[in-house]
Amino acid sequence: ILQVARSKTLKQWKELDGNVTIAANEAKDNVR
C-alpha cells in the first residue's frame, strides 16, 4: 500500500530489511 502511495518511509524500510537479511545470513553462516 505504501509503495502505491509512494511513501518516503520505504527507503528506510528497504535498507533495514536488507540489514536484517544480512544479519540473518551472517548468523546462519557462522552457526554452520
ModelCIF file with pLDDT and N, C-alpha, C, O atoms, coordinates in Angstrom:
data_MODEL
#
_entry.id   MODEL 
#
_entity.id                         1 
_entity.type                       polymer 
_entity.pdbx_number_of_molecules   1 
#
_entity_poly.entity_id                      1 
_entity_poly.type                           'polypeptide(L)' 
_entity_poly.nstd_linkage                   no 
_entity_poly.nstd_monomer                   no 
_entity_poly.pdbx_seq_one_letter_code       ILQVARSKTLKQWKELDGNVTIAANEAKDNVR 
_entity_poly.pdbx_seq_one_letter_code_can   ILQVARSKTLKQWKELDGNVTIAANEAKDNVR 
_entity_poly.pdbx_strand_id                 A 
#
loop_
_entity_poly_seq.entity_id 
_entity_poly_seq.num 
_entity_poly_seq.mon_id 
_entity_poly_seq.hetero 
1 1  ILE n 
1 2  LEU n 
1 3  GLN n 
1 4  VAL n 
1 5  ALA n 
1 6  ARG n 
1 7  SER n 
1 8  LYS n 
1 9  THR n 
1 10 LEU n 
1 11 LYS n 
1 12 GLN n 
1 13 TRP n 
1 14 LYS n 
1 15 GLU n 
1 16 LEU n 
1 17 ASP n 
1 18 GLY n 
1 19 ASN n 
1 20 VAL n 
1 21 THR n 
1 22 ILE n 
1 23 ALA n 
1 24 ALA n 
1 25 ASN n 
1 26 GLU n 
1 27 ALA n 
1 28 LYS n 
1 29 ASP n 
1 30 ASN n 
1 31 VAL n 
1 32 ARG n 
#
_struct_asym.id          A 
_struct_asym.entity_id   1 
#
loop_
_ma_qa_metric.id 
_ma_qa_metric.mode 
_ma_qa_metric.name 
_ma_qa_metric.software_group_id 
_ma_qa_metric.type 
1 global pLDDT . pLDDT 
2 local  pLDDT . pLDDT 
#
_ma_qa_metric_global.metric_id      1 
_ma_qa_metric_global.metric_value   92.94 
_ma_qa_metric_global.model_id       1 
_ma_qa_metric_global.ordinal_id     1 
#
loop_
_ma_qa_metric_local.label_asym_id 
_ma_qa_metric_local.label_comp_id 
_ma_qa_metric_local.label_seq_id 
_ma_qa_metric_local.metric_id 
_ma_qa_metric_local.metric_value 
_ma_qa_metric_local.model_id 
_ma_qa_metric_local.ordinal_id 
A ILE 1  2 90.00 1 1  
A LEU 2  2 90.00 1 2  
A GLN 3  2 90.00 1 3  
A VAL 4  2 90.00 1 4  
A ALA 5  2 90.00 1 5  
A ARG 6  2 90.00 1 6  
A SER 7  2 87.00 1 7  
A LYS 8  2 88.00 1 8  
A THR 9  2 90.00 1 9  
A LEU 10 2 91.00 1 10 
A LYS 11 2 92.00 1 11 
A GLN 12 2 92.00 1 12 
A TRP 13 2 93.00 1 13 
A LYS 14 2 93.00 1 14 
A GLU 15 2 93.00 1 15 
A LEU 16 2 93.00 1 16 
A ASP 17 2 93.00 1 17 
A GLY 18 2 94.00 1 18 
A ASN 19 2 95.00 1 19 
A VAL 20 2 95.00 1 20 
A THR 21 2 95.00 1 21 
A ILE 22 2 95.00 1 22 
A ALA 23 2 95.00 1 23 
A ALA 24 2 96.00 1 24 
A ASN 25 2 96.00 1 25 
A GLU 26 2 95.00 1 26 
A ALA 27 2 95.00 1 27 
A LYS 28 2 96.00 1 28 
A ASP 29 2 96.00 1 29 
A ASN 30 2 95.00 1 30 
A VAL 31 2 96.00 1 31 
A ARG 32 2 95.00 1 32 
#
loop_
_atom_site.group_PDB 
_atom_site.id 
_atom_site.type_symbol 
_atom_site.label_atom_id 
_atom_site.label_alt_id 
_atom_site.label_comp_id 
_atom_site.label_asym_id 
_atom_site.label_entity_id 
_atom_site.label_seq_id 
_atom_site.pdbx_PDB_ins_code 
_atom_site.Cartn_x 
_atom_site.Cartn_y 
_atom_site.Cartn_z 
_atom_site.occupancy 
_atom_site.B_iso_or_equiv 
_atom_site.pdbx_formal_charge 
_atom_site.auth_seq_id 
_atom_site.auth_comp_id 
_atom_site.auth_asym_id 
_atom_site.auth_atom_id 
_atom_site.pdbx_PDB_model_num 
ATOM 1   N N  . ILE A 1 1  ? 0.845  -1.207  0.000  1.00 90.00 ? 1  ILE A N  1 
ATOM 2   C CA . ILE A 1 1  ? 0.000  0.000   0.000  1.00 90.00 ? 1  ILE A CA 1 
ATOM 3   C C  . ILE A 1 1  ? 0.876  1.251   0.000  1.00 90.00 ? 1  ILE A C  1 
ATOM 4   O O  . ILE A 1 1  ? 0.598  2.218   -0.710 1.00 90.00 ? 1  ILE A O  1 
ATOM 5   N N  . LEU A 1 2  ? 1.939  1.219   0.808  1.00 90.00 ? 2  LEU A N  1 
ATOM 6   C CA . LEU A 1 2  ? 2.831  2.378   0.872  1.00 90.00 ? 2  LEU A CA 1 
ATOM 7   C C  . LEU A 1 2  ? 3.628  2.565   -0.428 1.00 90.00 ? 2  LEU A C  1 
ATOM 8   O O  . LEU A 1 2  ? 4.006  3.682   -0.780 1.00 90.00 ? 2  LEU A O  1 
ATOM 9   N N  . GLN A 1 3  ? 3.875  1.461   -1.127 1.00 90.00 ? 3  GLN A N  1 
ATOM 10  C CA . GLN A 1 3  ? 4.541  1.586   -2.437 1.00 90.00 ? 3  GLN A CA 1 
ATOM 11  C C  . GLN A 1 3  ? 3.633  2.299   -3.430 1.00 90.00 ? 3  GLN A C  1 
ATOM 12  O O  . GLN A 1 3  ? 4.077  3.173   -4.174 1.00 90.00 ? 3  GLN A O  1 
ATOM 13  N N  . VAL A 1 4  ? 2.368  1.923   -3.438 1.00 90.00 ? 4  VAL A N  1 
ATOM 14  C CA . VAL A 1 4  ? 1.396  2.570   -4.327 1.00 90.00 ? 4  VAL A CA 1 
ATOM 15  C C  . VAL A 1 4  ? 1.289  4.059   -3.982 1.00 90.00 ? 4  VAL A C  1 
ATOM 16  O O  . VAL A 1 4  ? 1.167  4.906   -4.866 1.00 90.00 ? 4  VAL A O  1 
ATOM 17  N N  . ALA A 1 5  ? 1.336  4.358   -2.689 1.00 90.00 ? 5  ALA A N  1 
ATOM 18  C CA . ALA A 1 5  ? 1.232  5.754   -2.229 1.00 90.00 ? 5  ALA A CA 1 
ATOM 19  C C  . ALA A 1 5  ? 2.559  6.510   -2.357 1.00 90.00 ? 5  ALA A C  1 
ATOM 20  O O  . ALA A 1 5  ? 2.634  7.701   -2.054 1.00 90.00 ? 5  ALA A O  1 
ATOM 21  N N  . ARG A 1 6  ? 3.591  5.816   -2.802 1.00 90.00 ? 6  ARG A N  1 
ATOM 22  C CA . ARG A 1 6  ? 4.930  6.413   -2.955 1.00 90.00 ? 6  ARG A CA 1 
ATOM 23  C C  . ARG A 1 6  ? 5.427  7.043   -1.642 1.00 90.00 ? 6  ARG A C  1 
ATOM 24  O O  . ARG A 1 6  ? 5.901  8.179   -1.612 1.00 90.00 ? 6  ARG A O  1 
ATOM 25  N N  . SER A 1 7  ? 5.302  6.278   -0.585 1.00 87.00 ? 7  SER A N  1 
ATOM 26  C CA . SER A 1 7  ? 5.695  6.751   0.743  1.00 87.00 ? 7  SER A CA 1 
ATOM 27  C C  . SER A 1 7  ? 7.210  6.889   0.857  1.00 87.00 ? 7  SER A C  1 
ATOM 28  O O  . SER A 1 7  ? 7.970  6.077   0.331  1.00 87.00 ? 7  SER A O  1 
ATOM 29  N N  . LYS A 1 8  ? 7.619  7.930   1.553  1.00 88.00 ? 8  LYS A N  1 
ATOM 30  C CA . LYS A 1 8  ? 9.052  8.175   1.766  1.00 88.00 ? 8  LYS A CA 1 
ATOM 31  C C  . LYS A 1 8  ? 9.648  7.240   2.827  1.00 88.00 ? 8  LYS A C  1 
ATOM 32  O O  . LYS A 1 8  ? 10.869 7.105   2.911  1.00 88.00 ? 8  LYS A O  1 
ATOM 33  N N  . THR A 1 9  ? 8.810  6.602   3.626  1.00 90.00 ? 9  THR A N  1 
ATOM 34  C CA . THR A 1 9  ? 9.319  5.698   4.667  1.00 90.00 ? 9  THR A CA 1 
ATOM 35  C C  . THR A 1 9  ? 9.898  4.413   4.071  1.00 90.00 ? 9  THR A C  1 
ATOM 36  O O  . THR A 1 9  ? 10.634 3.691   4.744  1.00 90.00 ? 9  THR A O  1 
ATOM 37  N N  . LEU A 1 10 ? 9.569  4.131   2.817  1.00 91.00 ? 10 LEU A N  1 
ATOM 38  C CA . LEU A 1 10 ? 10.004 2.868   2.216  1.00 91.00 ? 10 LEU A CA 1 
ATOM 39  C C  . LEU A 1 10 ? 11.520 2.786   2.026  1.00 91.00 ? 10 LEU A C  1 
ATOM 40  O O  . LEU A 1 10 ? 12.091 1.697   2.067  1.00 91.00 ? 10 LEU A O  1 
ATOM 41  N N  . LYS A 1 11 ? 12.161 3.915   1.822  1.00 92.00 ? 11 LYS A N  1 
ATOM 42  C CA . LYS A 1 11 ? 13.615 3.898   1.652  1.00 92.00 ? 11 LYS A CA 1 
ATOM 43  C C  . LYS A 1 11 ? 14.273 3.343   2.912  1.00 92.00 ? 11 LYS A C  1 
ATOM 44  O O  . LYS A 1 11 ? 15.137 2.469   2.837  1.00 92.00 ? 11 LYS A O  1 
ATOM 45  N N  . GLN A 1 12 ? 13.857 3.857   4.074  1.00 92.00 ? 12 GLN A N  1 
ATOM 46  C CA . GLN A 1 12 ? 14.377 3.366   5.355  1.00 92.00 ? 12 GLN A CA 1 
ATOM 47  C C  . GLN A 1 12 ? 14.024 1.896   5.556  1.00 92.00 ? 12 GLN A C  1 
ATOM 48  O O  . GLN A 1 12 ? 14.849 1.103   6.009  1.00 92.00 ? 12 GLN A O  1 
ATOM 49  N N  . TRP A 1 13 ? 12.792 1.548   5.214  1.00 93.00 ? 13 TRP A N  1 
ATOM 50  C CA . TRP A 1 13 ? 12.320 0.175   5.388  1.00 93.00 ? 13 TRP A CA 1 
ATOM 51  C C  . TRP A 1 13 ? 13.169 -0.803  4.576  1.00 93.00 ? 13 TRP A C  1 
ATOM 52  O O  . TRP A 1 13 ? 13.605 -1.835  5.086  1.00 93.00 ? 13 TRP A O  1 
ATOM 53  N N  . LYS A 1 14 ? 13.396 -0.464  3.307  1.00 93.00 ? 14 LYS A N  1 
ATOM 54  C CA . LYS A 1 14 ? 14.176 -1.361  2.439  1.00 93.00 ? 14 LYS A CA 1 
ATOM 55  C C  . LYS A 1 14 ? 15.596 -1.526  2.949  1.00 93.00 ? 14 LYS A C  1 
ATOM 56  O O  . LYS A 1 14 ? 16.155 -2.622  2.902  1.00 93.00 ? 14 LYS A O  1 
ATOM 57  N N  . GLU A 1 15 ? 16.179 -0.440  3.436  1.00 93.00 ? 15 GLU A N  1 
ATOM 58  C CA . GLU A 1 15 ? 17.536 -0.517  3.977  1.00 93.00 ? 15 GLU A CA 1 
ATOM 59  C C  . GLU A 1 15 ? 17.582 -1.447  5.196  1.00 93.00 ? 15 GLU A C  1 
ATOM 60  O O  . GLU A 1 15 ? 18.471 -2.291  5.310  1.00 93.00 ? 15 GLU A O  1 
ATOM 61  N N  . LEU A 1 16 ? 16.618 -1.281  6.101  1.00 93.00 ? 16 LEU A N  1 
ATOM 62  C CA . LEU A 1 16 ? 16.580 -2.135  7.298  1.00 93.00 ? 16 LEU A CA 1 
ATOM 63  C C  . LEU A 1 16 ? 16.279 -3.583  6.946  1.00 93.00 ? 16 LEU A C  1 
ATOM 64  O O  . LEU A 1 16 ? 16.856 -4.501  7.528  1.00 93.00 ? 16 LEU A O  1 
ATOM 65  N N  . ASP A 1 17 ? 15.388 -3.785  6.008  1.00 93.00 ? 17 ASP A N  1 
ATOM 66  C CA . ASP A 1 17 ? 15.068 -5.139  5.548  1.00 93.00 ? 17 ASP A CA 1 
ATOM 67  C C  . ASP A 1 17 ? 16.345 -5.817  5.052  1.00 93.00 ? 17 ASP A C  1 
ATOM 68  O O  . ASP A 1 17 ? 16.603 -6.981  5.361  1.00 93.00 ? 17 ASP A O  1 
ATOM 69  N N  . GLY A 1 18 ? 17.131 -5.083  4.287  1.00 94.00 ? 18 GLY A N  1 
ATOM 70  C CA . GLY A 1 18 ? 18.410 -5.614  3.801  1.00 94.00 ? 18 GLY A CA 1 
ATOM 71  C C  . GLY A 1 18 ? 19.379 -5.903  4.931  1.00 94.00 ? 18 GLY A C  1 
ATOM 72  O O  . GLY A 1 18 ? 20.071 -6.921  4.910  1.00 94.00 ? 18 GLY A O  1 
ATOM 73  N N  . ASN A 1 19 ? 19.437 -5.019  5.918  1.00 95.00 ? 19 ASN A N  1 
ATOM 74  C CA . ASN A 1 19 ? 20.334 -5.220  7.068  1.00 95.00 ? 19 ASN A CA 1 
ATOM 75  C C  . ASN A 1 19 ? 19.933 -6.443  7.889  1.00 95.00 ? 19 ASN A C  1 
ATOM 76  O O  . ASN A 1 19 ? 20.793 -7.181  8.369  1.00 95.00 ? 19 ASN A O  1 
ATOM 77  N N  . VAL A 1 20 ? 18.633 -6.655  8.049  1.00 95.00 ? 20 VAL A N  1 
ATOM 78  C CA . VAL A 1 20 ? 18.157 -7.837  8.779  1.00 95.00 ? 20 VAL A CA 1 
ATOM 79  C C  . VAL A 1 20 ? 18.525 -9.100  8.010  1.00 95.00 ? 20 VAL A C  1 
ATOM 80  O O  . VAL A 1 20 ? 18.951 -10.091 8.604  1.00 95.00 ? 20 VAL A O  1 
ATOM 81  N N  . THR A 1 21 ? 18.364 -9.067  6.704  1.00 95.00 ? 21 THR A N  1 
ATOM 82  C CA . THR A 1 21 ? 18.713 -10.221 5.874  1.00 95.00 ? 21 THR A CA 1 
ATOM 83  C C  . THR A 1 21 ? 20.199 -10.533 5.988  1.00 95.00 ? 21 THR A C  1 
ATOM 84  O O  . THR A 1 21 ? 20.588 -11.695 6.100  1.00 95.00 ? 21 THR A O  1 
ATOM 85  N N  . ILE A 1 22 ? 21.023 -9.498  5.960  1.00 95.00 ? 22 ILE A N  1 
ATOM 86  C CA . ILE A 1 22 ? 22.474 -9.696  6.101  1.00 95.00 ? 22 ILE A CA 1 
ATOM 87  C C  . ILE A 1 22 ? 22.796 -10.297 7.469  1.00 95.00 ? 22 ILE A C  1 
ATOM 88  O O  . ILE A 1 22 ? 23.583 -11.239 7.562  1.00 95.00 ? 22 ILE A O  1 
ATOM 89  N N  . ALA A 1 23 ? 22.196 -9.761  8.523  1.00 95.00 ? 23 ALA A N  1 
ATOM 90  C CA . ALA A 1 23 ? 22.447 -10.271 9.879  1.00 95.00 ? 23 ALA A CA 1 
ATOM 91  C C  . ALA A 1 23 ? 21.990 -11.723 10.024 1.00 95.00 ? 23 ALA A C  1 
ATOM 92  O O  . ALA A 1 23 ? 22.663 -12.526 10.671 1.00 95.00 ? 23 ALA A O  1 
ATOM 93  N N  . ALA A 1 24 ? 20.853 -12.059 9.426  1.00 96.00 ? 24 ALA A N  1 
ATOM 94  C CA . ALA A 1 24 ? 20.349 -13.436 9.476  1.00 96.00 ? 24 ALA A CA 1 
ATOM 95  C C  . ALA A 1 24 ? 21.292 -14.371 8.716  1.00 96.00 ? 24 ALA A C  1 
ATOM 96  O O  . ALA A 1 24 ? 21.591 -15.472 9.179  1.00 96.00 ? 24 ALA A O  1 
ATOM 97  N N  . ASN A 1 25 ? 21.750 -13.929 7.563  1.00 96.00 ? 25 ASN A N  1 
ATOM 98  C CA . ASN A 1 25 ? 22.676 -14.748 6.773  1.00 96.00 ? 25 ASN A CA 1 
ATOM 99  C C  . ASN A 1 25 ? 24.003 -14.946 7.501  1.00 96.00 ? 25 ASN A C  1 
ATOM 100 O O  . ASN A 1 25 ? 24.578 -16.034 7.482  1.00 96.00 ? 25 ASN A O  1 
ATOM 101 N N  . GLU A 1 26 ? 24.482 -13.876 8.144  1.00 95.00 ? 26 GLU A N  1 
ATOM 102 C CA . GLU A 1 26 ? 25.728 -13.972 8.902  1.00 95.00 ? 26 GLU A CA 1 
ATOM 103 C C  . GLU A 1 26 ? 25.597 -14.990 10.040 1.00 95.00 ? 26 GLU A C  1 
ATOM 104 O O  . GLU A 1 26 ? 26.463 -15.845 10.224 1.00 95.00 ? 26 GLU A O  1 
ATOM 105 N N  . ALA A 1 27 ? 24.511 -14.885 10.792 1.00 95.00 ? 27 ALA A N  1 
ATOM 106 C CA . ALA A 1 27 ? 24.312 -15.800 11.919 1.00 95.00 ? 27 ALA A CA 1 
ATOM 107 C C  . ALA A 1 27 ? 24.193 -17.241 11.429 1.00 95.00 ? 27 ALA A C  1 
ATOM 108 O O  . ALA A 1 27 ? 24.790 -18.147 12.010 1.00 95.00 ? 27 ALA A O  1 
ATOM 109 N N  . LYS A 1 28 ? 23.435 -17.451 10.378 1.00 96.00 ? 28 LYS A N  1 
ATOM 110 C CA . LYS A 1 28 ? 23.255 -18.802 9.817  1.00 96.00 ? 28 LYS A CA 1 
ATOM 111 C C  . LYS A 1 28 ? 24.596 -19.365 9.355  1.00 96.00 ? 28 LYS A C  1 
ATOM 112 O O  . LYS A 1 28 ? 24.917 -20.522 9.628  1.00 96.00 ? 28 LYS A O  1 
ATOM 113 N N  . ASP A 1 29 ? 25.367 -18.554 8.663  1.00 96.00 ? 29 ASP A N  1 
ATOM 114 C CA . ASP A 1 29 ? 26.667 -18.983 8.161  1.00 96.00 ? 29 ASP A CA 1 
ATOM 115 C C  . ASP A 1 29 ? 27.627 -19.288 9.304  1.00 96.00 ? 29 ASP A C  1 
ATOM 116 O O  . ASP A 1 29 ? 28.344 -20.288 9.267  1.00 96.00 ? 29 ASP A O  1 
ATOM 117 N N  . ASN A 1 30 ? 27.643 -18.429 10.318 1.00 95.00 ? 30 ASN A N  1 
ATOM 118 C CA . ASN A 1 30 ? 28.538 -18.645 11.452 1.00 95.00 ? 30 ASN A CA 1 
ATOM 119 C C  . ASN A 1 30 ? 28.174 -19.906 12.221 1.00 95.00 ? 30 ASN A C  1 
ATOM 120 O O  . ASN A 1 30 ? 29.057 -20.632 12.679 1.00 95.00 ? 30 ASN A O  1 
ATOM 121 N N  . VAL A 1 31 ? 26.880 -20.172 12.364 1.00 96.00 ? 31 VAL A N  1 
ATOM 122 C CA . VAL A 1 31 ? 26.450 -21.409 13.028 1.00 96.00 ? 31 VAL A CA 1 
ATOM 123 C C  . VAL A 1 31 ? 26.943 -22.617 12.228 1.00 96.00 ? 31 VAL A C  1 
ATOM 124 O O  . VAL A 1 31 ? 27.458 -23.583 12.791 1.00 96.00 ? 31 VAL A O  1 
ATOM 125 N N  . ARG A 1 32 ? 26.778 -22.544 10.929 1.00 95.00 ? 32 ARG A N  1 
ATOM 126 C CA . ARG A 1 32 ? 27.206 -23.654 10.061 1.00 95.00 ? 32 ARG A CA 1 
ATOM 127 C C  . ARG A 1 32 ? 28.706 -23.915 10.231 1.00 95.00 ? 32 ARG A C  1 
ATOM 128 O O  . ARG A 1 32 ? 29.254 -24.809 9.586  1.00 95.00 ? 32 ARG A O  1 
#
